[in-house]
Amino acid sequence: MSDRATWHKSKKAREFFQNNKYWLQILLFPPATPDRNPTEYCWKTTREELTSIKSFKNIKVLKEELDEFWEKHVFTHKMSHYLKW
């Protein structure tokens, strides 16, 4: 699922798709609809519970804490809310 962010259209992303297109299907979210993008829900939760309430010594520490948060946190939202029927 792609929300049309610039990094989803990067050369590296296009190469990944080309190398995996036999099993990978891209579904595009409508433009300007963060409420339909489950990734936005995950980022919002991460900001509210981690990054907006804490300072990080450096990028390495930030990455470590993000990995730890995402490993332990269970995101509870229904994917069906994001699909257009």
PDB file of N, CA and C in Angstrom:
ATOM      1  N   MET A   1       0.850  -1.156   0.000  1.00  0.00           N
ATOM      2  CA  MET A   1       0.000   0.000   0.000  1.00  0.00           C
ATOM      3  C   MET A   1       0.899   1.223   0.000  1.00  0.00           C
ATOM      4  N   SER A   2       0.626   2.141  -0.862  1.00  0.00           N
ATOM      5  CA  SER A   2       1.453   3.331  -1.000  1.00  0.00           C
ATOM      6  C   SER A   2       0.589   4.574  -0.852  1.00  0.00           C
ATOM      7  N   ASP A   3       1.131   5.537  -0.128  1.00  0.00           N
ATOM      8  CA  ASP A   3       0.400   6.797   0.048  1.00  0.00           C
ATOM      9  C   ASP A   3       0.977   7.894  -0.841  1.00  0.00           C
ATOM     10  N   ARG A   4       1.740   7.506  -1.829  1.00  0.00           N
ATOM     11  CA  ARG A   4       2.327   8.413  -2.818  1.00  0.00           C
ATOM     12  C   ARG A   4       3.379   9.350  -2.243  1.00  0.00           C
ATOM     13  N   ALA A   5       3.937   8.993  -1.111  1.00  0.00           N
ATOM     14  CA  ALA A   5       5.030   9.781  -0.554  1.00  0.00           C
ATOM     15  C   ALA A   5       6.216   9.697  -1.513  1.00  0.00           C
ATOM     16  N   THR A   6       7.035  10.739  -1.526  1.00  0.00           N
ATOM     17  CA  THR A   6       8.131  10.789  -2.489  1.00  0.00           C
ATOM     18  C   THR A   6       9.070   9.590  -2.364  1.00  0.00           C
ATOM     19  N   TRP A   7       9.309   9.098  -1.150  1.00  0.00           N
ATOM     20  CA  TRP A   7      10.220   7.970  -1.001  1.00  0.00           C
ATOM     21  C   TRP A   7       9.626   6.676  -1.540  1.00  0.00           C
ATOM     22  N   HIS A   8       8.314   6.613  -1.728  1.00  0.00           N
ATOM     23  CA  HIS A   8       7.710   5.435  -2.344  1.00  0.00           C
ATOM     24  C   HIS A   8       7.896   5.450  -3.858  1.00  0.00           C
ATOM     25  N   LYS A   9       8.307   6.596  -4.394  1.00  0.00           N
ATOM     26  CA  LYS A   9       8.538   6.713  -5.834  1.00  0.00           C
ATOM     27  C   LYS A   9      10.027   6.800  -6.150  1.00  0.00           C
ATOM     28  N   SER A  10      10.855   6.589  -5.163  1.00  0.00           N
ATOM     29  CA  SER A  10      12.304   6.711  -5.354  1.00  0.00           C
ATOM     30  C   SER A  10      12.826   5.612  -6.274  1.00  0.00           C
ATOM     31  N   LYS A  11      14.038   5.807  -6.740  1.00  0.00           N
ATOM     32  CA  LYS A  11      14.676   4.805  -7.599  1.00  0.00           C
ATOM     33  C   LYS A  11      14.783   3.464  -6.878  1.00  0.00           C
ATOM     34  N   LYS A  12      15.170   3.517  -5.614  1.00  0.00           N
ATOM     35  CA  LYS A  12      15.321   2.287  -4.827  1.00  0.00           C
ATOM     36  C   LYS A  12      13.974   1.565  -4.687  1.00  0.00           C
ATOM     37  N   ALA A  13      12.899   2.312  -4.441  1.00  0.00           N
ATOM     38  CA  ALA A  13      11.570   1.704  -4.309  1.00  0.00           C
ATOM     39  C   ALA A  13      11.112   1.104  -5.639  1.00  0.00           C
ATOM     40  N   ARG A  14      11.341   1.819  -6.745  1.00  0.00           N
ATOM     41  CA  ARG A  14      10.961   1.305  -8.063  1.00  0.00           C
ATOM     42  C   ARG A  14      11.737   0.030  -8.399  1.00  0.00           C
ATOM     43  N   GLU A  15      13.034   0.013  -8.062  1.00  0.00           N
ATOM     44  CA  GLU A  15      13.841  -1.185  -8.295  1.00  0.00           C
ATOM     45  C   GLU A  15      13.314  -2.361  -7.466  1.00  0.00           C
ATOM     46  N   PHE A  16      12.971  -2.088  -6.203  1.00  0.00           N
ATOM     47  CA  PHE A  16      12.425  -3.146  -5.352  1.00  0.00           C
ATOM     48  C   PHE A  16      11.146  -3.711  -5.967  1.00  0.00           C
ATOM     49  N   PHE A  17      10.269  -2.833  -6.430  1.00  0.00           N
ATOM     50  CA  PHE A  17       9.030  -3.299  -7.047  1.00  0.00           C
ATOM     51  C   PHE A  17       9.326  -4.127  -8.294  1.00  0.00           C
ATOM     52  N   GLN A  18      10.211  -3.650  -9.141  1.00  0.00           N
ATOM     53  CA  GLN A  18      10.546  -4.392 -10.358  1.00  0.00           C
ATOM     54  C   GLN A  18      11.096  -5.780 -10.036  1.00  0.00           C
ATOM     55  N   ASN A  19      11.919  -5.869  -9.007  1.00  0.00           N
ATOM     56  CA  ASN A  19      12.523  -7.152  -8.633  1.00  0.00           C
ATOM     57  C   ASN A  19      11.546  -8.094  -7.933  1.00  0.00           C
ATOM     58  N   ASN A  20      10.410  -7.572  -7.466  1.00  0.00           N
ATOM     59  CA  ASN A  20       9.459  -8.380  -6.697  1.00  0.00           C
ATOM     60  C   ASN A  20       8.045  -8.341  -7.245  1.00  0.00           C
ATOM     61  N   LYS A  21       7.881  -7.820  -8.453  1.00  0.00           N
ATOM     62  CA  LYS A  21       6.525  -7.624  -8.967  1.00  0.00           C
ATOM     63  C   LYS A  21       5.764  -8.926  -9.228  1.00  0.00           C
ATOM     64  N   TYR A  22       6.476 -10.052  -9.276  1.00  0.00           N
ATOM     65  CA  TYR A  22       5.797 -11.329  -9.483  1.00  0.00           C
ATOM     66  C   TYR A  22       4.916 -11.707  -8.293  1.00  0.00           C
ATOM     67  N   TRP A  23       5.200 -11.163  -7.110  1.00  0.00           N
ATOM     68  CA  TRP A  23       4.380 -11.469  -5.923  1.00  0.00           C
ATOM     69  C   TRP A  23       3.841 -10.225  -5.228  1.00  0.00           C
ATOM     70  N   LEU A  24       4.322  -9.051  -5.625  1.00  0.00           N
ATOM     71  CA  LEU A  24       3.977  -7.807  -4.943  1.00  0.00           C
ATOM     72  C   LEU A  24       2.954  -7.016  -5.754  1.00  0.00           C
ATOM     73  N   GLN A  25       1.939  -6.545  -5.093  1.00  0.00           N
ATOM     74  CA  GLN A  25       0.938  -5.721  -5.749  1.00  0.00           C
ATOM     75  C   GLN A  25       0.880  -4.385  -5.024  1.00  0.00           C
ATOM     76  N   ILE A  26       0.867  -3.291  -5.766  1.00  0.00           N
ATOM     77  CA  ILE A  26       0.804  -1.956  -5.161  1.00  0.00           C
ATOM     78  C   ILE A  26      -0.638  -1.475  -5.160  1.00  0.00           C
ATOM     79  N   LEU A  27      -1.091  -1.056  -3.996  1.00  0.00           N
ATOM     80  CA  LEU A  27      -2.402  -0.434  -3.858  1.00  0.00           C
ATOM     81  C   LEU A  27      -2.160   1.012  -3.449  1.00  0.00           C
ATOM     82  N   LEU A  28      -2.701   1.947  -4.198  1.00  0.00           N
ATOM     83  CA  LEU A  28      -2.483   3.364  -3.921  1.00  0.00           C
ATOM     84  C   LEU A  28      -3.624   3.938  -3.091  1.00  0.00           C
ATOM     85  N   PHE A  29      -3.249   4.676  -2.053  1.00  0.00           N
ATOM     86  CA  PHE A  29      -4.241   5.413  -1.292  1.00  0.00           C
ATOM     87  C   PHE A  29      -4.627   6.654  -2.085  1.00  0.00           C
ATOM     88  N   PRO A  30      -5.869   7.109  -1.961  1.00  0.00           N
ATOM     89  CA  PRO A  30      -6.229   8.362  -2.624  1.00  0.00           C
ATOM     90  C   PRO A  30      -5.377   9.503  -2.069  1.00  0.00           C
ATOM     91  N   PRO A  31      -5.044  10.491  -2.897  1.00  0.00           N
ATOM     92  CA  PRO A  31      -4.229  11.602  -2.401  1.00  0.00           C
ATOM     93  C   PRO A  31      -4.939  12.382  -1.299  1.00  0.00           C
ATOM     94  N   ALA A  32      -4.157  12.919  -0.387  1.00  0.00           N
ATOM     95  CA  ALA A  32      -4.643  13.795   0.689  1.00  0.00           C
ATOM     96  C   ALA A  32      -5.705  13.121   1.556  1.00  0.00           C
ATOM     97  N   THR A  33      -5.491  11.851   1.893  1.00  0.00           N
ATOM     98  CA  THR A  33      -6.439  11.140   2.761  1.00  0.00           C
ATOM     99  C   THR A  33      -5.699  10.374   3.852  1.00  0.00           C
ATOM    100  N   PRO A  34      -5.016  11.079   4.752  1.00  0.00           N
ATOM    101  CA  PRO A  34      -4.283  10.373   5.805  1.00  0.00           C
ATOM    102  C   PRO A  34      -5.182   9.538   6.697  1.00  0.00           C
ATOM    103  N   ASP A  35      -6.462   9.898   6.783  1.00  0.00           N
ATOM    104  CA  ASP A  35      -7.395   9.129   7.606  1.00  0.00           C
ATOM    105  C   ASP A  35      -7.640   7.733   7.038  1.00  0.00           C
ATOM    106  N   ARG A  36      -7.303   7.504   5.796  1.00  0.00           N
ATOM    107  CA  ARG A  36      -7.477   6.180   5.178  1.00  0.00           C
ATOM    108  C   ARG A  36      -6.170   5.403   5.117  1.00  0.00           C
ATOM    109  N   ASN A  37      -5.133   5.935   5.704  1.00  0.00           N
ATOM    110  CA  ASN A  37      -3.821   5.307   5.628  1.00  0.00           C
ATOM    111  C   ASN A  37      -3.437   4.749   7.000  1.00  0.00           C
ATOM    112  N   PRO A  38      -3.394   3.426   7.156  1.00  0.00           N
ATOM    113  CA  PRO A  38      -3.078   2.847   8.467  1.00  0.00           C
ATOM    114  C   PRO A  38      -1.685   3.214   8.972  1.00  0.00           C
ATOM    115  N   THR A  39      -0.767   3.497   8.068  1.00  0.00           N
ATOM    116  CA  THR A  39       0.575   3.894   8.486  1.00  0.00           C
ATOM    117  C   THR A  39       0.523   5.203   9.254  1.00  0.00           C
ATOM    118  N   GLU A  40      -0.345   6.110   8.846  1.00  0.00           N
ATOM    119  CA  GLU A  40      -0.479   7.388   9.545  1.00  0.00           C
ATOM    120  C   GLU A  40      -0.932   7.181  10.980  1.00  0.00           C
ATOM    121  N   TYR A  41      -1.798   6.195  11.200  1.00  0.00           N
ATOM    122  CA  TYR A  41      -2.237   5.874  12.557  1.00  0.00           C
ATOM    123  C   TYR A  41      -1.038   5.423  13.398  1.00  0.00           C
ATOM    124  N   CYS A  42      -0.183   4.586  12.811  1.00  0.00           N
ATOM    125  CA  CYS A  42       0.998   4.102  13.537  1.00  0.00           C
ATOM    126  C   CYS A  42       1.951   5.245  13.851  1.00  0.00           C
ATOM    127  N   TRP A  43       2.180   6.150  12.880  1.00  0.00           N
ATOM    128  CA  TRP A  43       3.056   7.296  13.125  1.00  0.00           C
ATOM    129  C   TRP A  43       2.473   8.214  14.201  1.00  0.00           C
ATOM    130  N   LYS A  44       1.158   8.426  14.158  1.00  0.00           N
ATOM    131  CA  LYS A  44       0.505   9.287  15.150  1.00  0.00           C
ATOM    132  C   LYS A  44       0.706   8.709  16.555  1.00  0.00           C
ATOM    133  N   THR A  45       0.488   7.422  16.698  1.00  0.00           N
ATOM    134  CA  THR A  45       0.676   6.762  17.988  1.00  0.00           C
ATOM    135  C   THR A  45       2.126   6.860  18.441  1.00  0.00           C
ATOM    136  N   THR A  46       3.055   6.659  17.528  1.00  0.00           N
ATOM    137  CA  THR A  46       4.479   6.752  17.853  1.00  0.00           C
ATOM    138  C   THR A  46       4.844   8.154  18.320  1.00  0.00           C
ATOM    139  N   ARG A  47       4.328   9.163  17.619  1.00  0.00           N
ATOM    140  CA  ARG A  47       4.594  10.555  18.032  1.00  0.00           C
ATOM    141  C   ARG A  47       4.019  10.826  19.421  1.00  0.00           C
ATOM    142  N   GLU A  48       2.765  10.430  19.636  1.00  0.00           N
ATOM    143  CA  GLU A  48       2.098  10.728  20.904  1.00  0.00           C
ATOM    144  C   GLU A  48       2.739  10.008  22.089  1.00  0.00           C
ATOM    145  N   GLU A  49       3.185   8.776  21.877  1.00  0.00           N
ATOM    146  CA  GLU A  49       3.669   7.965  22.995  1.00  0.00           C
ATOM    147  C   GLU A  49       5.193   7.904  23.121  1.00  0.00           C
ATOM    148  N   LEU A  50       5.910   8.465  22.142  1.00  0.00           N
ATOM    149  CA  LEU A  50       7.368   8.369  22.227  1.00  0.00           C
ATOM    150  C   LEU A  50       8.074   9.659  21.795  1.00  0.00           C
ATOM    151  N   THR A  51       8.012   9.985  20.534  1.00  0.00           N
ATOM    152  CA  THR A  51       8.903  11.032  20.021  1.00  0.00           C
ATOM    153  C   THR A  51       8.556  12.448  20.459  1.00  0.00           C
ATOM    154  N   SER A  52       7.305  12.721  20.765  1.00  0.00           N
ATOM    155  CA  SER A  52       6.955  14.094  21.156  1.00  0.00           C
ATOM    156  C   SER A  52       7.150  14.351  22.653  1.00  0.00           C
ATOM    157  N   ILE A  53       7.408  13.318  23.426  1.00  0.00           N
ATOM    158  CA  ILE A  53       7.533  13.492  24.875  1.00  0.00           C
ATOM    159  C   ILE A  53       8.948  13.240  25.380  1.00  0.00           C
ATOM    160  N   LYS A  54       9.883  13.047  24.461  1.00  0.00           N
ATOM    161  CA  LYS A  54      11.230  12.674  24.863  1.00  0.00           C
ATOM    162  C   LYS A  54      12.259  13.248  23.902  1.00  0.00           C
ATOM    163  N   SER A  55      13.420  13.576  24.425  1.00  0.00           N
ATOM    164  CA  SER A  55      14.549  13.999  23.587  1.00  0.00           C
ATOM    165  C   SER A  55      15.486  12.818  23.418  1.00  0.00           C
ATOM    166  N   PHE A  56      16.180  12.798  22.296  1.00  0.00           N
ATOM    167  CA  PHE A  56      17.088  11.700  21.999  1.00  0.00           C
ATOM    168  C   PHE A  56      18.495  12.247  21.814  1.00  0.00           C
ATOM    169  N   LYS A  57      19.440  11.554  22.376  1.00  0.00           N
ATOM    170  CA  LYS A  57      20.839  11.989  22.369  1.00  0.00           C
ATOM    171  C   LYS A  57      21.394  12.115  20.945  1.00  0.00           C
ATOM    172  N   ASN A  58      21.030  11.169  20.088  1.00  0.00           N
ATOM    173  CA  ASN A  58      21.492  11.176  18.702  1.00  0.00           C
ATOM    174  C   ASN A  58      20.587  10.264  17.868  1.00  0.00           C
ATOM    175  N   ILE A  59      20.866  10.194  16.571  1.00  0.00           N
ATOM    176  CA  ILE A  59      20.039   9.397  15.660  1.00  0.00           C
ATOM    177  C   ILE A  59      20.083   7.912  16.025  1.00  0.00           C
ATOM    178  N   LYS A  60      21.233   7.439  16.428  1.00  0.00           N
ATOM    179  CA  LYS A  60      21.367   6.027  16.793  1.00  0.00           C
ATOM    180  C   LYS A  60      20.415   5.680  17.944  1.00  0.00           C
ATOM    181  N   VAL A  61      20.376   6.522  18.956  1.00  0.00           N
ATOM    182  CA  VAL A  61      19.498   6.287  20.110  1.00  0.00           C
ATOM    183  C   VAL A  61      18.032   6.366  19.674  1.00  0.00           C
ATOM    184  N   LEU A  62      17.710   7.336  18.824  1.00  0.00           N
ATOM    185  CA  LEU A  62      16.342   7.455  18.315  1.00  0.00           C
ATOM    186  C   LEU A  62      15.933   6.171  17.599  1.00  0.00           C
ATOM    187  N   LYS A  63      16.781   5.678  16.704  1.00  0.00           N
ATOM    188  CA  LYS A  63      16.462   4.449  15.972  1.00  0.00           C
ATOM    189  C   LYS A  63      16.289   3.269  16.917  1.00  0.00           C
ATOM    190  N   GLU A  64      17.150   3.160  17.916  1.00  0.00           N
ATOM    191  CA  GLU A  64      17.043   2.058  18.873  1.00  0.00           C
ATOM    192  C   GLU A  64      15.722   2.122  19.636  1.00  0.00           C
ATOM    193  N   GLU A  65      15.354   3.325  20.063  1.00  0.00           N
ATOM    194  CA  GLU A  65      14.100   3.467  20.825  1.00  0.00           C
ATOM    195  C   GLU A  65      12.876   3.244  19.943  1.00  0.00           C
ATOM    196  N   LEU A  66      12.952   3.674  18.695  1.00  0.00           N
ATOM    197  CA  LEU A  66      11.850   3.402  17.771  1.00  0.00           C
ATOM    198  C   LEU A  66      11.704   1.903  17.554  1.00  0.00           C
ATOM    199  N   ASP A  67      12.807   1.220  17.310  1.00  0.00           N
ATOM    200  CA  ASP A  67      12.757  -0.240  17.133  1.00  0.00           C
ATOM    201  C   ASP A  67      12.148  -0.920  18.346  1.00  0.00           C
ATOM    202  N   GLU A  68      12.578  -0.507  19.525  1.00  0.00           N
ATOM    203  CA  GLU A  68      12.058  -1.096  20.762  1.00  0.00           C
ATOM    204  C   GLU A  68      10.558  -0.817  20.920  1.00  0.00           C
ATOM    205  N   PHE A  69      10.149   0.423  20.641  1.00  0.00           N
ATOM    206  CA  PHE A  69       8.738   0.792  20.757  1.00  0.00           C
ATOM    207  C   PHE A  69       7.893  -0.037  19.790  1.00  0.00           C
ATOM    208  N   TRP A  70       8.310  -0.109  18.540  1.00  0.00           N
ATOM    209  CA  TRP A  70       7.527  -0.841  17.538  1.00  0.00           C
ATOM    210  C   TRP A  70       7.520  -2.341  17.794  1.00  0.00           C
ATOM    211  N   GLU A  71       8.567  -2.858  18.388  1.00  0.00           N
ATOM    212  CA  GLU A  71       8.623  -4.279  18.698  1.00  0.00           C
ATOM    213  C   GLU A  71       7.633  -4.635  19.812  1.00  0.00           C
ATOM    214  N   LYS A  72       7.474  -3.732  20.778  1.00  0.00           N
ATOM    215  CA  LYS A  72       6.615  -4.002  21.936  1.00  0.00           C
ATOM    216  C   LYS A  72       5.172  -3.533  21.755  1.00  0.00           C
ATOM    217  N   HIS A  73       4.978  -2.505  20.948  1.00  0.00           N
ATOM    218  CA  HIS A  73       3.647  -1.905  20.832  1.00  0.00           C
ATOM    219  C   HIS A  73       2.756  -2.710  19.884  1.00  0.00           C
ATOM    220  N   VAL A  74       1.520  -2.879  20.280  1.00  0.00           N
ATOM    221  CA  VAL A  74       0.536  -3.530  19.423  1.00  0.00           C
ATOM    222  C   VAL A  74      -0.406  -2.445  18.907  1.00  0.00           C
ATOM    223  N   PHE A  75      -0.431  -2.277  17.607  1.00  0.00           N
ATOM    224  CA  PHE A  75      -1.317  -1.289  17.003  1.00  0.00           C
ATOM    225  C   PHE A  75      -2.666  -1.946  16.774  1.00  0.00           C
ATOM    226  N   THR A  76      -3.683  -1.414  17.403  1.00  0.00           N
ATOM    227  CA  THR A  76      -5.008  -2.024  17.344  1.00  0.00           C
ATOM    228  C   THR A  76      -5.959  -1.159  16.527  1.00  0.00           C
ATOM    229  N   HIS A  77      -5.994  -1.425  15.278  1.00  0.00           N
ATOM    230  CA  HIS A  77      -6.963  -0.768  14.405  1.00  0.00           C
ATOM    231  C   HIS A  77      -7.358  -1.756  13.321  1.00  0.00           C
ATOM    232  N   LYS A  78      -8.551  -1.595  12.812  1.00  0.00           N
ATOM    233  CA  LYS A  78      -9.064  -2.530  11.833  1.00  0.00           C
ATOM    234  C   LYS A  78      -8.676  -2.078  10.432  1.00  0.00           C
ATOM    235  N   MET A  79      -7.987  -2.941   9.719  1.00  0.00           N
ATOM    236  CA  MET A  79      -7.577  -2.617   8.352  1.00  0.00           C
ATOM    237  C   MET A  79      -8.788  -2.374   7.447  1.00  0.00           C
ATOM    238  N   SER A  80      -9.902  -2.996   7.735  1.00  0.00           N
ATOM    239  CA  SER A  80     -11.076  -2.820   6.894  1.00  0.00           C
ATOM    240  C   SER A  80     -11.578  -1.379   6.899  1.00  0.00           C
ATOM    241  N   HIS A  81     -11.219  -0.602   7.917  1.00  0.00           N
ATOM    242  CA  HIS A  81     -11.621   0.802   7.950  1.00  0.00           C
ATOM    243  C   HIS A  81     -10.946   1.606   6.847  1.00  0.00           C
ATOM    244  N   TYR A  82      -9.863   1.076   6.314  1.00  0.00           N
ATOM    245  CA  TYR A  82      -9.077   1.808   5.320  1.00  0.00           C
ATOM    246  C   TYR A  82      -9.383   1.393   3.890  1.00  0.00           C
ATOM    247  N   LEU A  83     -10.192   0.400   3.725  1.00  0.00           N
ATOM    248  CA  LEU A  83     -10.507  -0.083   2.383  1.00  0.00           C
ATOM    249  C   LEU A  83     -11.795   0.518   1.877  1.00  0.00           C
ATOM    250  N   LYS A  84     -11.804   0.849   0.631  1.00  0.00           N
ATOM    251  CA  LYS A  84     -13.001   1.400   0.002  1.00  0.00           C
ATOM    252  C   LYS A  84     -13.773   0.248  -0.636  1.00  0.00           C
ATOM    253  N   TRP A  85     -14.991   0.057  -0.272  1.00  0.00           N
ATOM    254  CA  TRP A  85     -15.775  -1.063  -0.799  1.00  0.00           C
ATOM    255  C   TRP A  85     -16.595  -0.642  -1.965  1.00  0.00           C
TER     256      TRP A  85
END
